[in-house]
Protein backbone atom coordinates (compact mmCIF):
# COMPACT_ATOMS: atom_id res chain seq x y z
CA UNK A 1 135.01 70.06 84.91
CA UNK A 2 135.86 73.67 85.88
CA UNK A 3 138.97 75.56 86.84
CA UNK A 4 139.08 78.34 89.43
CA UNK A 5 142.02 80.73 89.77
CA UNK A 6 142.44 83.40 92.40
CA UNK A 7 144.85 86.31 92.05
CA UNK A 8 145.37 87.84 95.48
CA UNK A 9 146.29 91.54 95.65
CA UNK A 10 148.33 93.15 98.41
CA UNK A 11 146.97 96.55 99.48
CA UNK A 12 149.77 98.40 97.67
CA UNK A 13 149.02 96.57 94.43
CA UNK A 14 145.32 97.31 94.77
CA UNK A 15 146.04 101.02 95.28
CA UNK A 16 148.27 101.04 92.18
CA UNK A 17 145.54 99.25 90.20
CA UNK A 18 142.87 101.77 91.25
CA UNK A 19 145.14 104.77 90.51
CA UNK A 20 146.11 103.43 87.06
CA UNK A 21 142.47 102.67 86.23
CA UNK A 22 141.48 106.20 87.23
CA UNK A 23 144.13 107.67 84.94
CA UNK A 24 143.02 105.43 82.05
CA UNK A 25 139.36 106.31 82.42
CA UNK A 26 139.86 110.01 83.18
CA UNK A 27 138.59 109.61 86.74
CA UNK A 28 141.61 110.98 88.56
CA UNK A 29 141.67 111.27 92.33
CA UNK A 30 141.57 114.64 94.06
CA UNK A 31 144.96 116.28 94.65
CA UNK A 32 146.70 115.22 97.85
CA UNK A 33 148.25 112.22 99.55
CA UNK A 34 146.60 108.88 100.28
CA UNK A 35 146.40 109.01 104.08
CA UNK A 36 144.53 105.76 104.62
CA UNK A 37 143.27 102.73 102.72
CA UNK A 38 140.74 100.23 103.95
CA UNK A 39 138.70 97.36 102.61
CA UNK A 40 135.08 96.83 103.59
CA UNK A 41 134.14 93.20 103.17
CA UNK A 42 130.39 93.10 103.61
CA UNK A 43 128.04 92.81 101.79
CA UNK A 44 130.25 93.64 98.79
CA UNK A 45 133.96 94.42 98.63
CA UNK A 46 134.60 98.17 98.79
CA UNK A 47 138.09 99.72 98.64
CA UNK A 48 138.18 103.14 100.33
CA UNK A 49 141.04 105.60 99.99
CA UNK A 50 141.18 108.72 102.12
CA UNK A 51 142.91 111.58 100.29
CA UNK A 52 144.38 114.38 102.41
CA UNK A 53 145.23 117.56 100.50
CA UNK A 54 147.93 120.00 101.65
CA UNK A 55 145.17 122.41 102.59
CA UNK A 56 141.51 121.57 102.87
CA UNK A 57 139.26 118.74 103.84
CA UNK A 58 139.90 115.01 103.52
CA UNK A 59 138.04 113.18 100.74
CA UNK A 60 137.02 109.53 100.89
CA UNK A 61 137.04 107.82 97.49
CA UNK A 62 135.27 104.42 97.32
CA UNK A 63 135.84 101.90 94.52
CA UNK A 64 133.43 98.96 94.20
CA UNK A 65 131.95 96.37 91.91
CA UNK A 66 132.70 96.47 88.21
CA UNK A 67 135.05 99.44 88.57
CA UNK A 68 137.19 97.60 91.14
CA UNK A 69 137.17 94.43 89.01
CA UNK A 70 138.16 96.41 85.89
CA UNK A 71 141.06 97.99 87.78
CA UNK A 72 142.28 94.59 88.98
CA UNK A 73 141.95 92.99 85.52
CA UNK A 74 143.82 95.86 83.83
CA UNK A 75 146.57 95.64 86.47
CA UNK A 76 146.99 91.93 85.70
CA UNK A 77 147.06 92.52 81.94
CA UNK A 78 149.65 95.31 82.36
CA UNK A 79 151.86 92.85 84.24
CA UNK A 80 151.38 90.02 81.71
CA UNK A 81 149.33 87.90 84.13
CA UNK A 82 146.95 85.84 81.96
CA UNK A 83 143.27 86.67 82.44
CA UNK A 84 141.01 84.67 80.09
CA UNK A 85 138.56 87.01 78.36
CA UNK A 86 135.63 84.58 78.41
CA UNK A 87 135.98 83.43 82.01
CA UNK A 88 133.57 84.55 84.75
CA UNK A 89 135.26 86.99 87.11
CA UNK A 90 134.34 88.16 90.59
CA UNK A 91 135.94 89.81 93.59
CA UNK A 92 136.34 87.98 96.88
CA UNK A 93 138.37 88.10 100.08
CA UNK A 94 141.06 85.47 100.71
CA UNK A 95 143.24 85.60 103.83
CA UNK A 96 142.11 89.20 104.52
CA UNK A 97 143.22 90.33 101.03
CA UNK A 98 141.16 91.28 97.99
CA UNK A 99 141.32 88.65 95.25
CA UNK A 100 140.18 88.41 91.66
CA UNK A 101 138.44 85.04 91.25
CA UNK A 102 138.42 83.63 87.72
CA UNK A 103 136.11 80.70 86.88
CA UNK A 104 136.54 78.77 83.64
CA UNK A 105 134.36 75.89 82.57
CA UNK A 106 135.67 73.14 80.36
CA UNK A 107 133.06 72.51 77.70
């Protein structure tokens, strides 16, 4: 028997998760305001933030794969949402939102 959990993130939560992860890992975003946020769903999930500085050119910052998953997991842990350490984790799309899928097998 296995158990599957999905934690669905709203766009605002996903942005907060990516920003916090960047601060934790020393990978801060360029200075400016987030002017747009979009999710590409194929073939892998990519979160793209467009940063618009007060003066200068816009910068697009993509977050994908393990980095996006790490940001989502850390966000859950910070908010006391249980995420089993030994479970398989992946990113998926549910109802047009990014979700962290957690698969646990009962041995």
